Amino acid sequence: MNVDSALLPKMRAEIVVSKIPVQDVVEAAKRAIYTGAVGDGKIFIYDVENAFRIRTGQSGADAVSAE
């Protein structure tokens, strides 16, 4: 049995949002990556319980905001 397959290149981006509404980020991402072709991708949304910036000891929203 011979199976031919053509794999598409993949890219993964992870974004943590704390102060911008999640739906705004989703809509912006959809506009930016949409081509209408197979492989445009998927967006998964997860709750992040907490985050820690190891270097400074910050946690929560302070750990994910720009310095």
PDB file of N, CA and C in Angstrom:
ATOM      1  N   MET A   1       0.841  -1.178   0.000  1.00  0.00           N
ATOM      2  CA  MET A   1       0.000   0.000   0.000  1.00  0.00           C
ATOM      3  C   MET A   1       0.891   1.247   0.000  1.00  0.00           C
ATOM      4  N   ASN A   2       0.676   2.147  -0.918  1.00  0.00           N
ATOM      5  CA  ASN A   2       1.467   3.358  -1.043  1.00  0.00           C
ATOM      6  C   ASN A   2       0.566   4.565  -0.781  1.00  0.00           C
ATOM      7  N   VAL A   3       0.953   5.388   0.167  1.00  0.00           N
ATOM      8  CA  VAL A   3       0.163   6.560   0.515  1.00  0.00           C
ATOM      9  C   VAL A   3       1.003   7.806   0.264  1.00  0.00           C
ATOM     10  N   ASP A   4       0.495   8.695  -0.554  1.00  0.00           N
ATOM     11  CA  ASP A   4       1.162   9.973  -0.786  1.00  0.00           C
ATOM     12  C   ASP A   4       0.522  11.031   0.097  1.00  0.00           C
ATOM     13  N   SER A   5       1.341  11.845   0.696  1.00  0.00           N
ATOM     14  CA  SER A   5       0.792  12.937   1.507  1.00  0.00           C
ATOM     15  C   SER A   5       1.653  14.173   1.307  1.00  0.00           C
ATOM     16  N   ALA A   6       1.003  15.306   1.362  1.00  0.00           N
ATOM     17  CA  ALA A   6       1.705  16.584   1.248  1.00  0.00           C
ATOM     18  C   ALA A   6       1.440  17.354   2.534  1.00  0.00           C
ATOM     19  N   LEU A   7       2.456  17.467   3.345  1.00  0.00           N
ATOM     20  CA  LEU A   7       2.301  18.180   4.610  1.00  0.00           C
ATOM     21  C   LEU A   7       2.556  19.661   4.402  1.00  0.00           C
ATOM     22  N   LEU A   8       1.732  20.471   5.019  1.00  0.00           N
ATOM     23  CA  LEU A   8       1.899  21.913   4.936  1.00  0.00           C
ATOM     24  C   LEU A   8       2.827  22.388   6.042  1.00  0.00           C
ATOM     25  N   PRO A   9       3.619  23.428   5.768  1.00  0.00           N
ATOM     26  CA  PRO A   9       4.462  23.972   6.838  1.00  0.00           C
ATOM     27  C   PRO A   9       3.595  24.498   7.974  1.00  0.00           C
ATOM     28  N   LYS A  10       4.072  24.373   9.177  1.00  0.00           N
ATOM     29  CA  LYS A  10       3.305  24.783  10.358  1.00  0.00           C
ATOM     30  C   LYS A  10       4.026  25.886  11.110  1.00  0.00           C
ATOM     31  N   MET A  11       3.253  26.702  11.780  1.00  0.00           N
ATOM     32  CA  MET A  11       3.791  27.722  12.658  1.00  0.00           C
ATOM     33  C   MET A  11       2.888  27.770  13.884  1.00  0.00           C
ATOM     34  N   ARG A  12       3.475  27.965  15.035  1.00  0.00           N
ATOM     35  CA  ARG A  12       2.694  28.035  16.265  1.00  0.00           C
ATOM     36  C   ARG A  12       3.018  29.345  16.967  1.00  0.00           C
ATOM     37  N   ALA A  13       1.983  30.040  17.367  1.00  0.00           N
ATOM     38  CA  ALA A  13       2.154  31.276  18.129  1.00  0.00           C
ATOM     39  C   ALA A  13       1.329  31.162  19.403  1.00  0.00           C
ATOM     40  N   GLU A  14       1.915  31.543  20.506  1.00  0.00           N
ATOM     41  CA  GLU A  14       1.190  31.556  21.776  1.00  0.00           C
ATOM     42  C   GLU A  14       1.143  32.992  22.268  1.00  0.00           C
ATOM     43  N   ILE A  15      -0.048  33.452  22.593  1.00  0.00           N
ATOM     44  CA  ILE A  15      -0.247  34.827  23.033  1.00  0.00           C
ATOM     45  C   ILE A  15      -1.007  34.800  24.349  1.00  0.00           C
ATOM     46  N   VAL A  16      -0.487  35.513  25.339  1.00  0.00           N
ATOM     47  CA  VAL A  16      -1.185  35.650  26.614  1.00  0.00           C
ATOM     48  C   VAL A  16      -1.723  37.071  26.672  1.00  0.00           C
ATOM     49  N   VAL A  17      -3.004  37.188  26.909  1.00  0.00           N
ATOM     50  CA  VAL A  17      -3.680  38.485  26.909  1.00  0.00           C
ATOM     51  C   VAL A  17      -4.170  38.782  28.317  1.00  0.00           C
ATOM     52  N   SER A  18      -3.833  39.977  28.829  1.00  0.00           N
ATOM     53  CA  SER A  18      -4.295  40.305  30.171  1.00  0.00           C
ATOM     54  C   SER A  18      -5.120  41.587  30.212  1.00  0.00           C
ATOM     55  N   LYS A  19      -4.834  42.537  29.333  1.00  0.00           N
ATOM     56  CA  LYS A  19      -5.545  43.814  29.409  1.00  0.00           C
ATOM     57  C   LYS A  19      -6.363  44.129  28.173  1.00  0.00           C
ATOM     58  N   ILE A  20      -6.140  43.418  27.088  1.00  0.00           N
ATOM     59  CA  ILE A  20      -6.888  43.615  25.847  1.00  0.00           C
ATOM     60  C   ILE A  20      -7.965  42.536  25.784  1.00  0.00           C
ATOM     61  N   PRO A  21      -9.190  42.886  25.400  1.00  0.00           N
ATOM     62  CA  PRO A  21     -10.227  41.845  25.296  1.00  0.00           C
ATOM     63  C   PRO A  21      -9.796  40.721  24.342  1.00  0.00           C
ATOM     64  N   VAL A  22      -9.974  39.503  24.771  1.00  0.00           N
ATOM     65  CA  VAL A  22      -9.550  38.334  23.997  1.00  0.00           C
ATOM     66  C   VAL A  22     -10.160  38.356  22.600  1.00  0.00           C
ATOM     67  N   GLN A  23     -11.429  38.715  22.493  1.00  0.00           N
ATOM     68  CA  GLN A  23     -12.086  38.700  21.185  1.00  0.00           C
ATOM     69  C   GLN A  23     -11.418  39.679  20.215  1.00  0.00           C
ATOM     70  N   ASP A  24     -10.914  40.803  20.715  1.00  0.00           N
ATOM     71  CA  ASP A  24     -10.193  41.749  19.851  1.00  0.00           C
ATOM     72  C   ASP A  24      -8.927  41.109  19.280  1.00  0.00           C
ATOM     73  N   VAL A  25      -8.217  40.360  20.112  1.00  0.00           N
ATOM     74  CA  VAL A  25      -6.999  39.690  19.669  1.00  0.00           C
ATOM     75  C   VAL A  25      -7.339  38.596  18.654  1.00  0.00           C
ATOM     76  N   VAL A  26      -8.403  37.851  18.907  1.00  0.00           N
ATOM     77  CA  VAL A  26      -8.831  36.791  17.985  1.00  0.00           C
ATOM     78  C   VAL A  26      -9.177  37.392  16.626  1.00  0.00           C
ATOM     79  N   GLU A  27      -9.959  38.460  16.617  1.00  0.00           N
ATOM     80  CA  GLU A  27     -10.357  39.086  15.348  1.00  0.00           C
ATOM     81  C   GLU A  27      -9.143  39.620  14.592  1.00  0.00           C
ATOM     82  N   ALA A  28      -8.199  40.237  15.287  1.00  0.00           N
ATOM     83  CA  ALA A  28      -6.987  40.743  14.642  1.00  0.00           C
ATOM     84  C   ALA A  28      -6.171  39.596  14.048  1.00  0.00           C
ATOM     85  N   ALA A  29      -6.046  38.498  14.783  1.00  0.00           N
ATOM     86  CA  ALA A  29      -5.296  37.342  14.290  1.00  0.00           C
ATOM     87  C   ALA A  29      -5.972  36.753  13.063  1.00  0.00           C
ATOM     88  N   LYS A  30      -7.288  36.631  13.105  1.00  0.00           N
ATOM     89  CA  LYS A  30      -8.015  36.076  11.957  1.00  0.00           C
ATOM     90  C   LYS A  30      -7.811  36.939  10.714  1.00  0.00           C
ATOM     91  N   ARG A  31      -7.854  38.247  10.867  1.00  0.00           N
ATOM     92  CA  ARG A  31      -7.631  39.142   9.725  1.00  0.00           C
ATOM     93  C   ARG A  31      -6.204  39.006   9.193  1.00  0.00           C
ATOM     94  N   ALA A  32      -5.250  38.870  10.095  1.00  0.00           N
ATOM     95  CA  ALA A  32      -3.841  38.831   9.693  1.00  0.00           C
ATOM     96  C   ALA A  32      -3.459  37.532   8.996  1.00  0.00           C
ATOM     97  N   ILE A  33      -4.033  36.400   9.412  1.00  0.00           N
ATOM     98  CA  ILE A  33      -3.564  35.118   8.879  1.00  0.00           C
ATOM     99  C   ILE A  33      -4.488  34.491   7.842  1.00  0.00           C
ATOM    100  N   TYR A  34      -5.639  35.075   7.607  1.00  0.00           N
ATOM    101  CA  TYR A  34      -6.601  34.489   6.666  1.00  0.00           C
ATOM    102  C   TYR A  34      -6.094  34.566   5.228  1.00  0.00           C
ATOM    103  N   THR A  35      -6.096  33.412   4.551  1.00  0.00           N
ATOM    104  CA  THR A  35      -5.800  33.379   3.118  1.00  0.00           C
ATOM    105  C   THR A  35      -6.936  32.745   2.347  1.00  0.00           C
ATOM    106  N   GLY A  36      -7.799  31.999   3.052  1.00  0.00           N
ATOM    107  CA  GLY A  36      -8.874  31.280   2.392  1.00  0.00           C
ATOM    108  C   GLY A  36      -8.448  29.915   1.889  1.00  0.00           C
ATOM    109  N   ALA A  37      -7.185  29.568   2.082  1.00  0.00           N
ATOM    110  CA  ALA A  37      -6.664  28.286   1.622  1.00  0.00           C
ATOM    111  C   ALA A  37      -6.607  27.287   2.769  1.00  0.00           C
ATOM    112  N   VAL A  38      -6.528  26.016   2.399  1.00  0.00           N
ATOM    113  CA  VAL A  38      -6.349  24.967   3.400  1.00  0.00           C
ATOM    114  C   VAL A  38      -5.083  25.283   4.185  1.00  0.00           C
ATOM    115  N   GLY A  39      -5.145  25.149   5.503  1.00  0.00           N
ATOM    116  CA  GLY A  39      -3.970  25.383   6.326  1.00  0.00           C
ATOM    117  C   GLY A  39      -3.931  26.741   6.990  1.00  0.00           C
ATOM    118  N   ASP A  40      -5.018  27.513   6.874  1.00  0.00           N
ATOM    119  CA  ASP A  40      -5.048  28.813   7.551  1.00  0.00           C
ATOM    120  C   ASP A  40      -4.900  28.664   9.060  1.00  0.00           C
ATOM    121  N   GLY A  41      -5.247  27.517   9.593  1.00  0.00           N
ATOM    122  CA  GLY A  41      -4.990  27.251  11.003  1.00  0.00           C
ATOM    123  C   GLY A  41      -6.218  27.298  11.884  1.00  0.00           C
ATOM    124  N   LYS A  42      -5.950  27.271  13.152  1.00  0.00           N
ATOM    125  CA  LYS A  42      -6.983  27.269  14.189  1.00  0.00           C
ATOM    126  C   LYS A  42      -6.537  28.175  15.316  1.00  0.00           C
ATOM    127  N   ILE A  43      -7.492  28.652  16.069  1.00  0.00           N
ATOM    128  CA  ILE A  43      -7.192  29.452  17.256  1.00  0.00           C
ATOM    129  C   ILE A  43      -7.813  28.729  18.443  1.00  0.00           C
ATOM    130  N   PHE A  44      -7.005  28.445  19.437  1.00  0.00           N
ATOM    131  CA  PHE A  44      -7.477  27.818  20.667  1.00  0.00           C
ATOM    132  C   PHE A  44      -7.394  28.857  21.774  1.00  0.00           C
ATOM    133  N   ILE A  45      -8.401  28.901  22.627  1.00  0.00           N
ATOM    134  CA  ILE A  45      -8.419  29.862  23.734  1.00  0.00           C
ATOM    135  C   ILE A  45      -8.471  29.082  25.035  1.00  0.00           C
ATOM    136  N   TYR A  46      -7.511  29.385  25.903  1.00  0.00           N
ATOM    137  CA  TYR A  46      -7.416  28.735  27.209  1.00  0.00           C
ATOM    138  C   TYR A  46      -7.383  29.796  28.299  1.00  0.00           C
ATOM    139  N   ASP A  47      -7.882  29.446  29.454  1.00  0.00           N
ATOM    140  CA  ASP A  47      -7.699  30.297  30.626  1.00  0.00           C
ATOM    141  C   ASP A  47      -6.306  30.046  31.188  1.00  0.00           C
ATOM    142  N   VAL A  48      -5.623  31.103  31.565  1.00  0.00           N
ATOM    143  CA  VAL A  48      -4.316  30.979  32.206  1.00  0.00           C
ATOM    144  C   VAL A  48      -4.535  31.290  33.684  1.00  0.00           C
ATOM    145  N   GLU A  49      -4.257  30.328  34.520  1.00  0.00           N
ATOM    146  CA  GLU A  49      -4.502  30.501  35.951  1.00  0.00           C
ATOM    147  C   GLU A  49      -3.582  31.537  36.563  1.00  0.00           C
ATOM    148  N   ASN A  50      -2.332  31.518  36.169  1.00  0.00           N
ATOM    149  CA  ASN A  50      -1.375  32.471  36.716  1.00  0.00           C
ATOM    150  C   ASN A  50      -0.131  32.465  35.847  1.00  0.00           C
ATOM    151  N   ALA A  51       0.702  33.463  36.007  1.00  0.00           N
ATOM    152  CA  ALA A  51       1.977  33.537  35.301  1.00  0.00           C
ATOM    153  C   ALA A  51       3.011  34.101  36.270  1.00  0.00           C
ATOM    154  N   PHE A  52       4.248  33.691  36.086  1.00  0.00           N
ATOM    155  CA  PHE A  52       5.332  34.164  36.938  1.00  0.00           C
ATOM    156  C   PHE A  52       6.512  34.593  36.078  1.00  0.00           C
ATOM    157  N   ARG A  53       7.052  35.751  36.356  1.00  0.00           N
ATOM    158  CA  ARG A  53       8.288  36.191  35.711  1.00  0.00           C
ATOM    159  C   ARG A  53       9.410  35.814  36.666  1.00  0.00           C
ATOM    160  N   ILE A  54      10.187  34.860  36.279  1.00  0.00           N
ATOM    161  CA  ILE A  54      11.190  34.294  37.172  1.00  0.00           C
ATOM    162  C   ILE A  54      12.215  35.333  37.611  1.00  0.00           C
ATOM    163  N   ARG A  55      12.716  36.139  36.668  1.00  0.00           N
ATOM    164  CA  ARG A  55      13.776  37.101  36.987  1.00  0.00           C
ATOM    165  C   ARG A  55      13.386  38.086  38.070  1.00  0.00           C
ATOM    166  N   THR A  56      12.135  38.599  38.035  1.00  0.00           N
ATOM    167  CA  THR A  56      11.726  39.646  38.974  1.00  0.00           C
ATOM    168  C   THR A  56      10.842  39.144  40.104  1.00  0.00           C
ATOM    169  N   GLY A  57      10.306  37.953  39.953  1.00  0.00           N
ATOM    170  CA  GLY A  57       9.397  37.431  40.962  1.00  0.00           C
ATOM    171  C   GLY A  57       7.968  37.931  40.798  1.00  0.00           C
ATOM    172  N   GLN A  58       7.703  38.698  39.752  1.00  0.00           N
ATOM    173  CA  GLN A  58       6.346  39.197  39.539  1.00  0.00           C
ATOM    174  C   GLN A  58       5.415  38.051  39.190  1.00  0.00           C
ATOM    175  N   SER A  59       4.134  38.258  39.501  1.00  0.00           N
ATOM    176  CA  SER A  59       3.139  37.256  39.139  1.00  0.00           C
ATOM    177  C   SER A  59       1.882  37.946  38.627  1.00  0.00           C
ATOM    178  N   GLY A  60       0.999  37.142  38.070  1.00  0.00           N
ATOM    179  CA  GLY A  60      -0.261  37.671  37.550  1.00  0.00           C
ATOM    180  C   GLY A  60      -0.049  38.564  36.338  1.00  0.00           C
ATOM    181  N   ALA A  61      -0.904  39.568  36.190  1.00  0.00           N
ATOM    182  CA  ALA A  61      -0.842  40.477  35.043  1.00  0.00           C
ATOM    183  C   ALA A  61       0.491  41.219  34.974  1.00  0.00           C
ATOM    184  N   ASP A  62       1.097  41.505  36.117  1.00  0.00           N
ATOM    185  CA  ASP A  62       2.396  42.186  36.114  1.00  0.00           C
ATOM    186  C   ASP A  62       3.472  41.346  35.421  1.00  0.00           C
ATOM    187  N   ALA A  63       3.354  40.034  35.512  1.00  0.00           N
ATOM    188  CA  ALA A  63       4.354  39.153  34.923  1.00  0.00           C
ATOM    189  C   ALA A  63       4.255  39.100  33.402  1.00  0.00           C
ATOM    190  N   VAL A  64       3.103  39.402  32.837  1.00  0.00           N
ATOM    191  CA  VAL A  64       2.946  39.306  31.383  1.00  0.00           C
ATOM    192  C   VAL A  64       2.923  40.655  30.689  1.00  0.00           C
ATOM    193  N   SER A  65       2.917  41.737  31.452  1.00  0.00           N
ATOM    194  CA  SER A  65       2.909  43.063  30.838  1.00  0.00           C
ATOM    195  C   SER A  65       4.335  43.455  30.453  1.00  0.00           C
ATOM    196  N   ALA A  66       4.436  44.354  29.495  1.00  0.00           N
ATOM    197  CA  ALA A  66       5.749  44.829  29.050  1.00  0.00           C
ATOM    198  C   ALA A  66       6.418  45.620  30.168  1.00  0.00           C
ATOM    199  N   GLU A  67       7.724  45.509  30.210  1.00  0.00           N
ATOM    200  CA  GLU A  67       8.472  46.223  31.257  1.00  0.00           C
ATOM    201  C   GLU A  67       8.734  47.636  30.848  1.00  0.00           C
TER     202      GLU A  67
END
